[in-house]
Amino acid sequence: MTGAVCPLALLSAGTEATVADVRADRGMRLRLAGMGLCPEVWVRVQCADWGSLIVSVGDARYALSRGIAMKVLVREAA
């Protein structure tokens, strides 16, 4: 897979990417991992409004604040 690593918050709706890293404290990493947001997992941005993002991870959808989405680094699908 090619592509630069960037925060999940910078992707637009309809974009698919792979999680490259999660740069957060232990508690937040565990919470995000519970949602399935961990390295090598595919995510799709469903909606990217000003305040939050709705992302799909597998069959589930989650709403993330932009602040949290900035901590999830992804590699956009080629």
PDB file of N, CA and C in Angstrom:
ATOM      1  N   MET A   1       0.842  -1.173   0.000  1.00  0.00           N
ATOM      2  CA  MET A   1       0.000   0.000   0.000  1.00  0.00           C
ATOM      3  C   MET A   1       0.885   1.233   0.000  1.00  0.00           C
ATOM      4  N   THR A   2       0.535   2.193  -0.814  1.00  0.00           N
ATOM      5  CA  THR A   2       1.290   3.428  -0.873  1.00  0.00           C
ATOM      6  C   THR A   2       0.477   4.546  -0.257  1.00  0.00           C
ATOM      7  N   GLY A   3       1.077   5.703  -0.148  1.00  0.00           N
ATOM      8  CA  GLY A   3       0.370   6.863   0.370  1.00  0.00           C
ATOM      9  C   GLY A   3       0.995   7.362   1.646  1.00  0.00           C
ATOM     10  N   ALA A   4       0.839   8.646   1.831  1.00  0.00           N
ATOM     11  CA  ALA A   4       1.392   9.282   3.020  1.00  0.00           C
ATOM     12  C   ALA A   4       0.476   9.052   4.211  1.00  0.00           C
ATOM     13  N   VAL A   5       1.045   9.132   5.380  1.00  0.00           N
ATOM     14  CA  VAL A   5       0.289   8.990   6.613  1.00  0.00           C
ATOM     15  C   VAL A   5      -0.227  10.367   7.017  1.00  0.00           C
ATOM     16  N   CYS A   6      -1.518  10.426   7.368  1.00  0.00           N
ATOM     17  CA  CYS A   6      -2.117  11.679   7.815  1.00  0.00           C
ATOM     18  C   CYS A   6      -3.181  11.368   8.861  1.00  0.00           C
ATOM     19  N   PRO A   7      -3.622  12.375   9.618  1.00  0.00           N
ATOM     20  CA  PRO A   7      -4.674  12.141  10.604  1.00  0.00           C
ATOM     21  C   PRO A   7      -6.009  11.804   9.934  1.00  0.00           C
ATOM     22  N   LEU A   8      -6.772  10.939  10.553  1.00  0.00           N
ATOM     23  CA  LEU A   8      -8.089  10.545  10.064  1.00  0.00           C
ATOM     24  C   LEU A   8      -8.989  11.765   9.877  1.00  0.00           C
ATOM     25  N   ALA A   9      -8.838  12.771  10.718  1.00  0.00           N
ATOM     26  CA  ALA A   9      -9.683  13.966  10.671  1.00  0.00           C
ATOM     27  C   ALA A   9      -9.555  14.736   9.361  1.00  0.00           C
ATOM     28  N   LEU A  10      -8.476  14.535   8.621  1.00  0.00           N
ATOM     29  CA  LEU A  10      -8.253  15.288   7.382  1.00  0.00           C
ATOM     30  C   LEU A  10      -8.863  14.626   6.155  1.00  0.00           C
ATOM     31  N   LEU A  11      -9.413  13.424   6.304  1.00  0.00           N
ATOM     32  CA  LEU A  11     -10.005  12.731   5.161  1.00  0.00           C
ATOM     33  C   LEU A  11     -11.417  13.232   4.904  1.00  0.00           C
ATOM     34  N   SER A  12     -11.819  13.184   3.653  1.00  0.00           N
ATOM     35  CA  SER A  12     -13.169  13.607   3.293  1.00  0.00           C
ATOM     36  C   SER A  12     -14.100  12.397   3.245  1.00  0.00           C
ATOM     37  N   ALA A  13     -15.397  12.682   3.217  1.00  0.00           N
ATOM     38  CA  ALA A  13     -16.411  11.625   3.187  1.00  0.00           C
ATOM     39  C   ALA A  13     -16.205  10.731   1.969  1.00  0.00           C
ATOM     40  N   GLY A  14     -16.366   9.434   2.169  1.00  0.00           N
ATOM     41  CA  GLY A  14     -16.211   8.474   1.092  1.00  0.00           C
ATOM     42  C   GLY A  14     -14.813   7.906   0.956  1.00  0.00           C
ATOM     43  N   THR A  15     -13.863   8.423   1.721  1.00  0.00           N
ATOM     44  CA  THR A  15     -12.476   7.976   1.639  1.00  0.00           C
ATOM     45  C   THR A  15     -12.258   6.727   2.476  1.00  0.00           C
ATOM     46  N   GLU A  16     -11.515   5.767   1.918  1.00  0.00           N
ATOM     47  CA  GLU A  16     -11.127   4.569   2.655  1.00  0.00           C
ATOM     48  C   GLU A  16      -9.649   4.640   2.971  1.00  0.00           C
ATOM     49  N   ALA A  17      -9.268   4.104   4.116  1.00  0.00           N
ATOM     50  CA  ALA A  17      -7.876   4.149   4.545  1.00  0.00           C
ATOM     51  C   ALA A  17      -7.597   3.001   5.503  1.00  0.00           C
ATOM     52  N   THR A  18      -6.320   2.783   5.761  1.00  0.00           N
ATOM     53  CA  THR A  18      -5.881   1.801   6.748  1.00  0.00           C
ATOM     54  C   THR A  18      -5.267   2.541   7.922  1.00  0.00           C
ATOM     55  N   VAL A  19      -5.611   2.132   9.123  1.00  0.00           N
ATOM     56  CA  VAL A  19      -5.032   2.750  10.313  1.00  0.00           C
ATOM     57  C   VAL A  19      -3.546   2.402  10.358  1.00  0.00           C
ATOM     58  N   ALA A  20      -2.714   3.424  10.475  1.00  0.00           N
ATOM     59  CA  ALA A  20      -1.274   3.225  10.555  1.00  0.00           C
ATOM     60  C   ALA A  20      -0.797   3.248  12.009  1.00  0.00           C
ATOM     61  N   ASP A  21      -1.394   4.131  12.827  1.00  0.00           N
ATOM     62  CA  ASP A  21      -0.949   4.282  14.210  1.00  0.00           C
ATOM     63  C   ASP A  21      -2.013   5.055  14.976  1.00  0.00           C
ATOM     64  N   VAL A  22      -2.011   4.895  16.287  1.00  0.00           N
ATOM     65  CA  VAL A  22      -2.877   5.686  17.155  1.00  0.00           C
ATOM     66  C   VAL A  22      -1.972   6.391  18.151  1.00  0.00           C
ATOM     67  N   ARG A  23      -1.948   7.712  18.100  1.00  0.00           N
ATOM     68  CA  ARG A  23      -1.086   8.523  18.966  1.00  0.00           C
ATOM     69  C   ARG A  23      -1.919   9.142  20.069  1.00  0.00           C
ATOM     70  N   ALA A  24      -2.170   8.355  21.092  1.00  0.00           N
ATOM     71  CA  ALA A  24      -2.997   8.804  22.211  1.00  0.00           C
ATOM     72  C   ALA A  24      -2.496   8.132  23.484  1.00  0.00           C
ATOM     73  N   ASP A  25      -3.026   8.578  24.615  1.00  0.00           N
ATOM     74  CA  ASP A  25      -2.641   7.935  25.865  1.00  0.00           C
ATOM     75  C   ASP A  25      -3.244   6.526  25.933  1.00  0.00           C
ATOM     76  N   ARG A  26      -2.813   5.774  26.910  1.00  0.00           N
ATOM     77  CA  ARG A  26      -3.198   4.368  27.003  1.00  0.00           C
ATOM     78  C   ARG A  26      -4.709   4.178  27.057  1.00  0.00           C
ATOM     79  N   GLY A  27      -5.380   4.986  27.856  1.00  0.00           N
ATOM     80  CA  GLY A  27      -6.831   4.854  27.992  1.00  0.00           C
ATOM     81  C   GLY A  27      -7.562   5.083  26.673  1.00  0.00           C
ATOM     82  N   MET A  28      -7.154   6.104  25.938  1.00  0.00           N
ATOM     83  CA  MET A  28      -7.801   6.386  24.651  1.00  0.00           C
ATOM     84  C   MET A  28      -7.470   5.308  23.629  1.00  0.00           C
ATOM     85  N   ARG A  29      -6.224   4.803  23.643  1.00  0.00           N
ATOM     86  CA  ARG A  29      -5.873   3.711  22.729  1.00  0.00           C
ATOM     87  C   ARG A  29      -6.737   2.488  22.992  1.00  0.00           C
ATOM     88  N   LEU A  30      -6.966   2.181  24.268  1.00  0.00           N
ATOM     89  CA  LEU A  30      -7.805   1.030  24.613  1.00  0.00           C
ATOM     90  C   LEU A  30      -9.253   1.249  24.176  1.00  0.00           C
ATOM     91  N   ARG A  31      -9.762   2.463  24.364  1.00  0.00           N
ATOM     92  CA  ARG A  31     -11.135   2.763  23.945  1.00  0.00           C
ATOM     93  C   ARG A  31     -11.287   2.637  22.433  1.00  0.00           C
ATOM     94  N   LEU A  32     -10.320   3.192  21.688  1.00  0.00           N
ATOM     95  CA  LEU A  32     -10.367   3.109  20.226  1.00  0.00           C
ATOM     96  C   LEU A  32     -10.186   1.677  19.744  1.00  0.00           C
ATOM     97  N   ALA A  33      -9.321   0.915  20.416  1.00  0.00           N
ATOM     98  CA  ALA A  33      -9.133  -0.491  20.058  1.00  0.00           C
ATOM     99  C   ALA A  33     -10.419  -1.268  20.285  1.00  0.00           C
ATOM    100  N   GLY A  34     -11.180  -0.910  21.315  1.00  0.00           N
ATOM    101  CA  GLY A  34     -12.472  -1.544  21.563  1.00  0.00           C
ATOM    102  C   GLY A  34     -13.459  -1.295  20.434  1.00  0.00           C
ATOM    103  N   MET A  35     -13.276  -0.189  19.721  1.00  0.00           N
ATOM    104  CA  MET A  35     -14.113   0.129  18.562  1.00  0.00           C
ATOM    105  C   MET A  35     -13.570  -0.517  17.295  1.00  0.00           C
ATOM    106  N   GLY A  36     -12.385  -1.125  17.402  1.00  0.00           N
ATOM    107  CA  GLY A  36     -11.769  -1.736  16.235  1.00  0.00           C
ATOM    108  C   GLY A  36     -10.772  -0.835  15.536  1.00  0.00           C
ATOM    109  N   LEU A  37     -10.539   0.361  16.065  1.00  0.00           N
ATOM    110  CA  LEU A  37      -9.587   1.294  15.459  1.00  0.00           C
ATOM    111  C   LEU A  37      -8.188   1.015  15.984  1.00  0.00           C
ATOM    112  N   CYS A  38      -7.522   0.084  15.337  1.00  0.00           N
ATOM    113  CA  CYS A  38      -6.157  -0.276  15.690  1.00  0.00           C
ATOM    114  C   CYS A  38      -5.371  -0.475  14.390  1.00  0.00           C
ATOM    115  N   PRO A  39      -4.044  -0.485  14.462  1.00  0.00           N
ATOM    116  CA  PRO A  39      -3.228  -0.585  13.238  1.00  0.00           C
ATOM    117  C   PRO A  39      -3.620  -1.744  12.324  1.00  0.00           C
ATOM    118  N   GLU A  40      -3.552  -1.459  11.027  1.00  0.00           N
ATOM    119  CA  GLU A  40      -3.835  -2.388   9.921  1.00  0.00           C
ATOM    120  C   GLU A  40      -5.316  -2.619   9.658  1.00  0.00           C
ATOM    121  N   VAL A  41      -6.205  -1.900  10.325  1.00  0.00           N
ATOM    122  CA  VAL A  41      -7.648  -2.043  10.128  1.00  0.00           C
ATOM    123  C   VAL A  41      -8.114  -1.035   9.078  1.00  0.00           C
ATOM    124  N   TRP A  42      -9.009  -1.472   8.183  1.00  0.00           N
ATOM    125  CA  TRP A  42      -9.596  -0.601   7.170  1.00  0.00           C
ATOM    126  C   TRP A  42     -10.713   0.221   7.791  1.00  0.00           C
ATOM    127  N   VAL A  43     -10.741   1.512   7.471  1.00  0.00           N
ATOM    128  CA  VAL A  43     -11.821   2.399   7.899  1.00  0.00           C
ATOM    129  C   VAL A  43     -12.330   3.174   6.692  1.00  0.00           C
ATOM    130  N   ARG A  44     -13.575   3.591   6.771  1.00  0.00           N
ATOM    131  CA  ARG A  44     -14.167   4.415   5.707  1.00  0.00           C
ATOM    132  C   ARG A  44     -14.849   5.602   6.369  1.00  0.00           C
ATOM    133  N   VAL A  45     -14.560   6.789   5.884  1.00  0.00           N
ATOM    134  CA  VAL A  45     -15.207   7.990   6.399  1.00  0.00           C
ATOM    135  C   VAL A  45     -16.578   8.099   5.735  1.00  0.00           C
ATOM    136  N   GLN A  46     -17.620   8.019   6.521  1.00  0.00           N
ATOM    137  CA  GLN A  46     -18.987   8.103   6.010  1.00  0.00           C
ATOM    138  C   GLN A  46     -19.444   9.550   5.895  1.00  0.00           C
ATOM    139  N   CYS A  47     -19.112  10.342   6.902  1.00  0.00           N
ATOM    140  CA  CYS A  47     -19.545  11.740   6.949  1.00  0.00           C
ATOM    141  C   CYS A  47     -18.460  12.539   7.665  1.00  0.00           C
ATOM    142  N   ALA A  48     -18.131  13.691   7.123  1.00  0.00           N
ATOM    143  CA  ALA A  48     -17.107  14.550   7.734  1.00  0.00           C
ATOM    144  C   ALA A  48     -17.677  15.951   7.896  1.00  0.00           C
ATOM    145  N   ASP A  49     -18.397  16.181   8.993  1.00  0.00           N
ATOM    146  CA  ASP A  49     -18.942  17.497   9.290  1.00  0.00           C
ATOM    147  C   ASP A  49     -17.907  18.327  10.026  1.00  0.00           C
ATOM    148  N   TRP A  50     -18.247  19.552  10.312  1.00  0.00           N
ATOM    149  CA  TRP A  50     -17.298  20.445  10.988  1.00  0.00           C
ATOM    150  C   TRP A  50     -16.866  19.928  12.343  1.00  0.00           C
ATOM    151  N   GLY A  51     -17.800  19.403  13.128  1.00  0.00           N
ATOM    152  CA  GLY A  51     -17.464  19.016  14.484  1.00  0.00           C
ATOM    153  C   GLY A  51     -17.045  17.578  14.680  1.00  0.00           C
ATOM    154  N   SER A  52     -17.446  16.688  13.787  1.00  0.00           N
ATOM    155  CA  SER A  52     -17.159  15.281  14.014  1.00  0.00           C
ATOM    156  C   SER A  52     -17.093  14.506  12.706  1.00  0.00           C
ATOM    157  N   LEU A  53     -16.652  13.261  12.831  1.00  0.00           N
ATOM    158  CA  LEU A  53     -16.616  12.345  11.695  1.00  0.00           C
ATOM    159  C   LEU A  53     -17.429  11.117  12.058  1.00  0.00           C
ATOM    160  N   ILE A  54     -18.079  10.531  11.080  1.00  0.00           N
ATOM    161  CA  ILE A  54     -18.700   9.227  11.256  1.00  0.00           C
ATOM    162  C   ILE A  54     -17.888   8.276  10.396  1.00  0.00           C
ATOM    163  N   VAL A  55     -17.334   7.242  11.046  1.00  0.00           N
ATOM    164  CA  VAL A  55     -16.484   6.294  10.342  1.00  0.00           C
ATOM    165  C   VAL A  55     -17.050   4.888  10.463  1.00  0.00           C
ATOM    166  N   SER A  56     -16.824   4.086   9.427  1.00  0.00           N
ATOM    167  CA  SER A  56     -17.205   2.679   9.441  1.00  0.00           C
ATOM    168  C   SER A  56     -15.967   1.845   9.708  1.00  0.00           C
ATOM    169  N   VAL A  57     -16.108   0.918  10.625  1.00  0.00           N
ATOM    170  CA  VAL A  57     -15.068  -0.060  10.920  1.00  0.00           C
ATOM    171  C   VAL A  57     -15.765  -1.408  10.871  1.00  0.00           C
ATOM    172  N   GLY A  58     -15.514  -2.168   9.817  1.00  0.00           N
ATOM    173  CA  GLY A  58     -16.268  -3.405   9.634  1.00  0.00           C
ATOM    174  C   GLY A  58     -17.728  -3.072   9.395  1.00  0.00           C
ATOM    175  N   ASP A  59     -18.623  -3.693  10.153  1.00  0.00           N
ATOM    176  CA  ASP A  59     -20.059  -3.446  10.022  1.00  0.00           C
ATOM    177  C   ASP A  59     -20.564  -2.367  10.968  1.00  0.00           C
ATOM    178  N   ALA A  60     -19.688  -1.801  11.778  1.00  0.00           N
ATOM    179  CA  ALA A  60     -20.095  -0.805  12.775  1.00  0.00           C
ATOM    180  C   ALA A  60     -19.767   0.612  12.307  1.00  0.00           C
ATOM    181  N   ARG A  61     -20.535   1.564  12.823  1.00  0.00           N
ATOM    182  CA  ARG A  61     -20.272   2.983  12.565  1.00  0.00           C
ATOM    183  C   ARG A  61     -20.067   3.684  13.897  1.00  0.00           C
ATOM    184  N   TYR A  62     -19.102   4.607  13.915  1.00  0.00           N
ATOM    185  CA  TYR A  62     -18.801   5.362  15.122  1.00  0.00           C
ATOM    186  C   TYR A  62     -18.675   6.837  14.797  1.00  0.00           C
ATOM    187  N   ALA A  63     -19.097   7.683  15.735  1.00  0.00           N
ATOM    188  CA  ALA A  63     -18.896   9.122  15.620  1.00  0.00           C
ATOM    189  C   ALA A  63     -17.676   9.477  16.459  1.00  0.00           C
ATOM    190  N   LEU A  64     -16.737  10.188  15.849  1.00  0.00           N
ATOM    191  CA  LEU A  64     -15.524  10.622  16.528  1.00  0.00           C
ATOM    192  C   LEU A  64     -15.420  12.137  16.456  1.00  0.00           C
ATOM    193  N   SER A  65     -14.998  12.747  17.542  1.00  0.00           N
ATOM    194  CA  SER A  65     -14.733  14.178  17.491  1.00  0.00           C
ATOM    195  C   SER A  65     -13.504  14.411  16.616  1.00  0.00           C
ATOM    196  N   ARG A  66     -13.362  15.605  16.096  1.00  0.00           N
ATOM    197  CA  ARG A  66     -12.173  15.910  15.277  1.00  0.00           C
ATOM    198  C   ARG A  66     -10.906  15.771  16.104  1.00  0.00           C
ATOM    199  N   GLY A  67     -10.960  16.120  17.383  1.00  0.00           N
ATOM    200  CA  GLY A  67      -9.782  16.000  18.252  1.00  0.00           C
ATOM    201  C   GLY A  67      -9.303  14.565  18.364  1.00  0.00           C
ATOM    202  N   ILE A  68     -10.225  13.649  18.560  1.00  0.00           N
ATOM    203  CA  ILE A  68      -9.868  12.229  18.645  1.00  0.00           C
ATOM    204  C   ILE A  68      -9.410  11.733  17.278  1.00  0.00           C
ATOM    205  N   ALA A  69     -10.103  12.140  16.218  1.00  0.00           N
ATOM    206  CA  ALA A  69      -9.735  11.695  14.869  1.00  0.00           C
ATOM    207  C   ALA A  69      -8.345  12.196  14.467  1.00  0.00           C
ATOM    208  N   MET A  70      -7.878  13.280  15.066  1.00  0.00           N
ATOM    209  CA  MET A  70      -6.515  13.771  14.790  1.00  0.00           C
ATOM    210  C   MET A  70      -5.463  12.825  15.372  1.00  0.00           C
ATOM    211  N   LYS A  71      -5.835  12.041  16.360  1.00  0.00           N
ATOM    212  CA  LYS A  71      -4.887  11.119  17.004  1.00  0.00           C
ATOM    213  C   LYS A  71      -4.751   9.790  16.261  1.00  0.00           C
ATOM    214  N   VAL A  72      -5.682   9.520  15.334  1.00  0.00           N
ATOM    215  CA  VAL A  72      -5.659   8.279  14.572  1.00  0.00           C
ATOM    216  C   VAL A  72      -4.991   8.578  13.221  1.00  0.00           C
ATOM    217  N   LEU A  73      -3.799   8.027  13.027  1.00  0.00           N
ATOM    218  CA  LEU A  73      -3.074   8.239  11.775  1.00  0.00           C
ATOM    219  C   LEU A  73      -3.414   7.133  10.796  1.00  0.00           C
ATOM    220  N   VAL A  74      -3.700   7.528   9.566  1.00  0.00           N
ATOM    221  CA  VAL A  74      -4.124   6.557   8.551  1.00  0.00           C
ATOM    222  C   VAL A  74      -3.297   6.710   7.279  1.00  0.00           C
ATOM    223  N   ARG A  75      -3.334   5.666   6.486  1.00  0.00           N
ATOM    224  CA  ARG A  75      -2.704   5.665   5.167  1.00  0.00           C
ATOM    225  C   ARG A  75      -3.824   5.471   4.158  1.00  0.00           C
ATOM    226  N   GLU A  76      -4.052   6.488   3.337  1.00  0.00           N
ATOM    227  CA  GLU A  76      -5.160   6.462   2.381  1.00  0.00           C
ATOM    228  C   GLU A  76      -4.967   5.353   1.355  1.00  0.00           C
ATOM    229  N   ALA A  77      -6.064   4.701   0.992  1.00  0.00           N
ATOM    230  CA  ALA A  77      -6.031   3.632  -0.011  1.00  0.00           C
ATOM    231  C   ALA A  77      -5.628   4.198  -1.367  1.00  0.00           C
ATOM    232  N   ALA A  78      -4.810   3.445  -2.094  1.00  0.00           N
ATOM    233  CA  ALA A  78      -4.336   3.920  -3.405  1.00  0.00           C
ATOM    234  C   ALA A  78      -5.387   3.756  -4.461  1.00  0.00           C
TER     235      ALA A  78
END
